[in-house]
């Protein structure tokens, strides 16, 4: 299986679980495009609070991590996650949820 095949499988899996954003993800023909969509969603969720938001943001971040692994850009994800955690340091529930998922 080539890297392109793996990336295509990643996009397909994310589209299936994409909910309202599945159509937009389906249009993303490359993992990098899908990551841009996930980034916008993650950025918008950071402005909200509550346990369901923490879970949703964590799910997006797990998808982003998988996508960055697929593309070999894990350092970019690590920098994004580090900045997110620093900016959300008062959100203890979010940080606990991220920790529980290895993020």
Protein backbone atom coordinates (compact mmCIF):
# COMPACT_ATOMS: atom_id res chain seq x y z
CA UNK A 1 0.00 0.00 0.00
CA UNK A 2 1.45 3.36 -1.01
CA UNK A 3 1.42 6.55 1.04
CA UNK A 4 -1.23 7.91 -1.33
CA UNK A 5 -3.41 4.87 -0.66
CA UNK A 6 -3.02 5.29 3.09
CA UNK A 7 -3.92 8.98 2.85
CA UNK A 8 -6.96 8.17 0.73
CA UNK A 9 -8.06 5.62 3.32
CA UNK A 10 -7.61 8.22 6.06
CA UNK A 11 -9.79 10.73 4.22
CA UNK A 12 -12.46 8.10 3.57
CA UNK A 13 -12.54 7.10 7.23
CA UNK A 14 -12.83 10.71 8.33
CA UNK A 15 -15.62 11.42 5.86
CA UNK A 16 -17.67 8.56 7.31
CA UNK A 17 -17.40 10.09 10.78
CA UNK A 18 -17.48 13.70 9.63
CA UNK A 19 -21.10 14.46 10.50
CA UNK A 20 -22.11 17.85 9.17
CA UNK A 21 -18.64 18.35 7.76
CA UNK A 22 -18.56 15.06 5.86
CA UNK A 23 -19.45 16.68 2.54
CA UNK A 24 -16.68 19.25 2.88
CA UNK A 25 -14.23 16.51 3.85
CA UNK A 26 -15.38 14.43 0.90
CA UNK A 27 -14.42 17.29 -1.39
CA UNK A 28 -10.93 17.34 0.10
CA UNK A 29 -9.05 15.11 -2.27
CA UNK A 30 -5.80 15.32 -0.36
CA UNK A 31 -4.97 14.80 3.30
CA UNK A 32 -3.55 18.31 3.46
CA UNK A 33 -6.92 19.70 2.37
CA UNK A 34 -8.72 17.65 4.99
CA UNK A 35 -6.29 18.86 7.65
CA UNK A 36 -7.14 22.45 6.79
CA UNK A 37 -10.80 21.69 7.41
CA UNK A 38 -10.03 20.03 10.72
CA UNK A 39 -7.86 22.99 11.71
CA UNK A 40 -10.69 25.46 11.08
CA UNK A 41 -13.09 23.32 13.09
CA UNK A 42 -10.62 22.98 15.96
CA UNK A 43 -10.00 26.72 15.97
CA UNK A 44 -13.73 27.45 16.21
CA UNK A 45 -14.28 24.91 19.00
CA UNK A 46 -11.59 26.50 21.14
CA UNK A 47 -13.93 29.45 21.68
CA UNK A 48 -16.57 27.20 23.31
CA UNK A 49 -16.72 25.35 26.61
CA UNK A 50 -18.36 22.28 28.08
CA UNK A 51 -17.63 18.56 28.22
CA UNK A 52 -19.27 17.77 24.85
CA UNK A 53 -17.04 20.42 23.24
CA UNK A 54 -13.97 18.91 24.93
CA UNK A 55 -14.85 15.51 23.49
CA UNK A 56 -15.54 16.93 20.04
CA UNK A 57 -12.29 18.91 19.99
CA UNK A 58 -10.36 15.86 21.16
CA UNK A 59 -11.87 13.80 18.36
CA UNK A 60 -10.83 16.42 15.83
CA UNK A 61 -7.32 16.51 17.24
CA UNK A 62 -7.03 12.73 17.03
CA UNK A 63 -8.02 12.96 13.37
CA UNK A 64 -5.52 15.73 12.79
CA UNK A 65 -2.78 13.69 14.41
CA UNK A 66 -3.56 10.74 12.13
CA UNK A 67 -3.53 13.00 9.08
CA UNK A 68 -0.22 14.59 10.02
CA UNK A 69 1.27 11.13 10.54
CA UNK A 70 0.05 10.18 7.09
CA UNK A 71 1.74 13.22 5.58
CA UNK A 72 4.88 12.99 7.69
CA UNK A 73 4.24 16.41 9.23
CA UNK A 74 3.98 15.36 12.86
CA UNK A 75 6.14 18.28 14.02
CA UNK A 76 3.53 20.70 12.65
CA UNK A 77 0.81 18.93 14.64
CA UNK A 78 2.95 18.92 17.78
CA UNK A 79 3.45 22.69 17.48
CA UNK A 80 -0.29 23.23 16.97
CA UNK A 81 -1.17 21.03 19.95
CA UNK A 82 1.41 22.71 22.17
CA UNK A 83 0.00 26.15 21.32
CA UNK A 84 -3.56 24.92 21.85
CA UNK A 85 -2.73 23.51 25.27
CA UNK A 86 -0.96 26.73 26.27
CA UNK A 87 -3.92 28.81 25.17
CA UNK A 88 -6.42 26.56 26.94
CA UNK A 89 -4.45 26.02 30.15
CA UNK A 90 -7.41 27.13 32.30
CA UNK A 91 -9.69 24.53 30.72
CA UNK A 92 -8.83 21.69 33.07
CA UNK A 93 -11.49 19.35 31.69
CA UNK A 94 -10.13 19.78 28.18
CA UNK A 95 -6.57 19.14 29.32
CA UNK A 96 -7.66 16.02 31.22
CA UNK A 97 -9.50 14.76 28.13
CA UNK A 98 -6.47 15.42 25.94
CA UNK A 99 -4.23 13.63 28.44
CA UNK A 100 -6.59 10.65 28.54
CA UNK A 101 -6.26 10.32 24.76
CA UNK A 102 -2.50 10.72 24.67
CA UNK A 103 -2.57 14.22 23.23
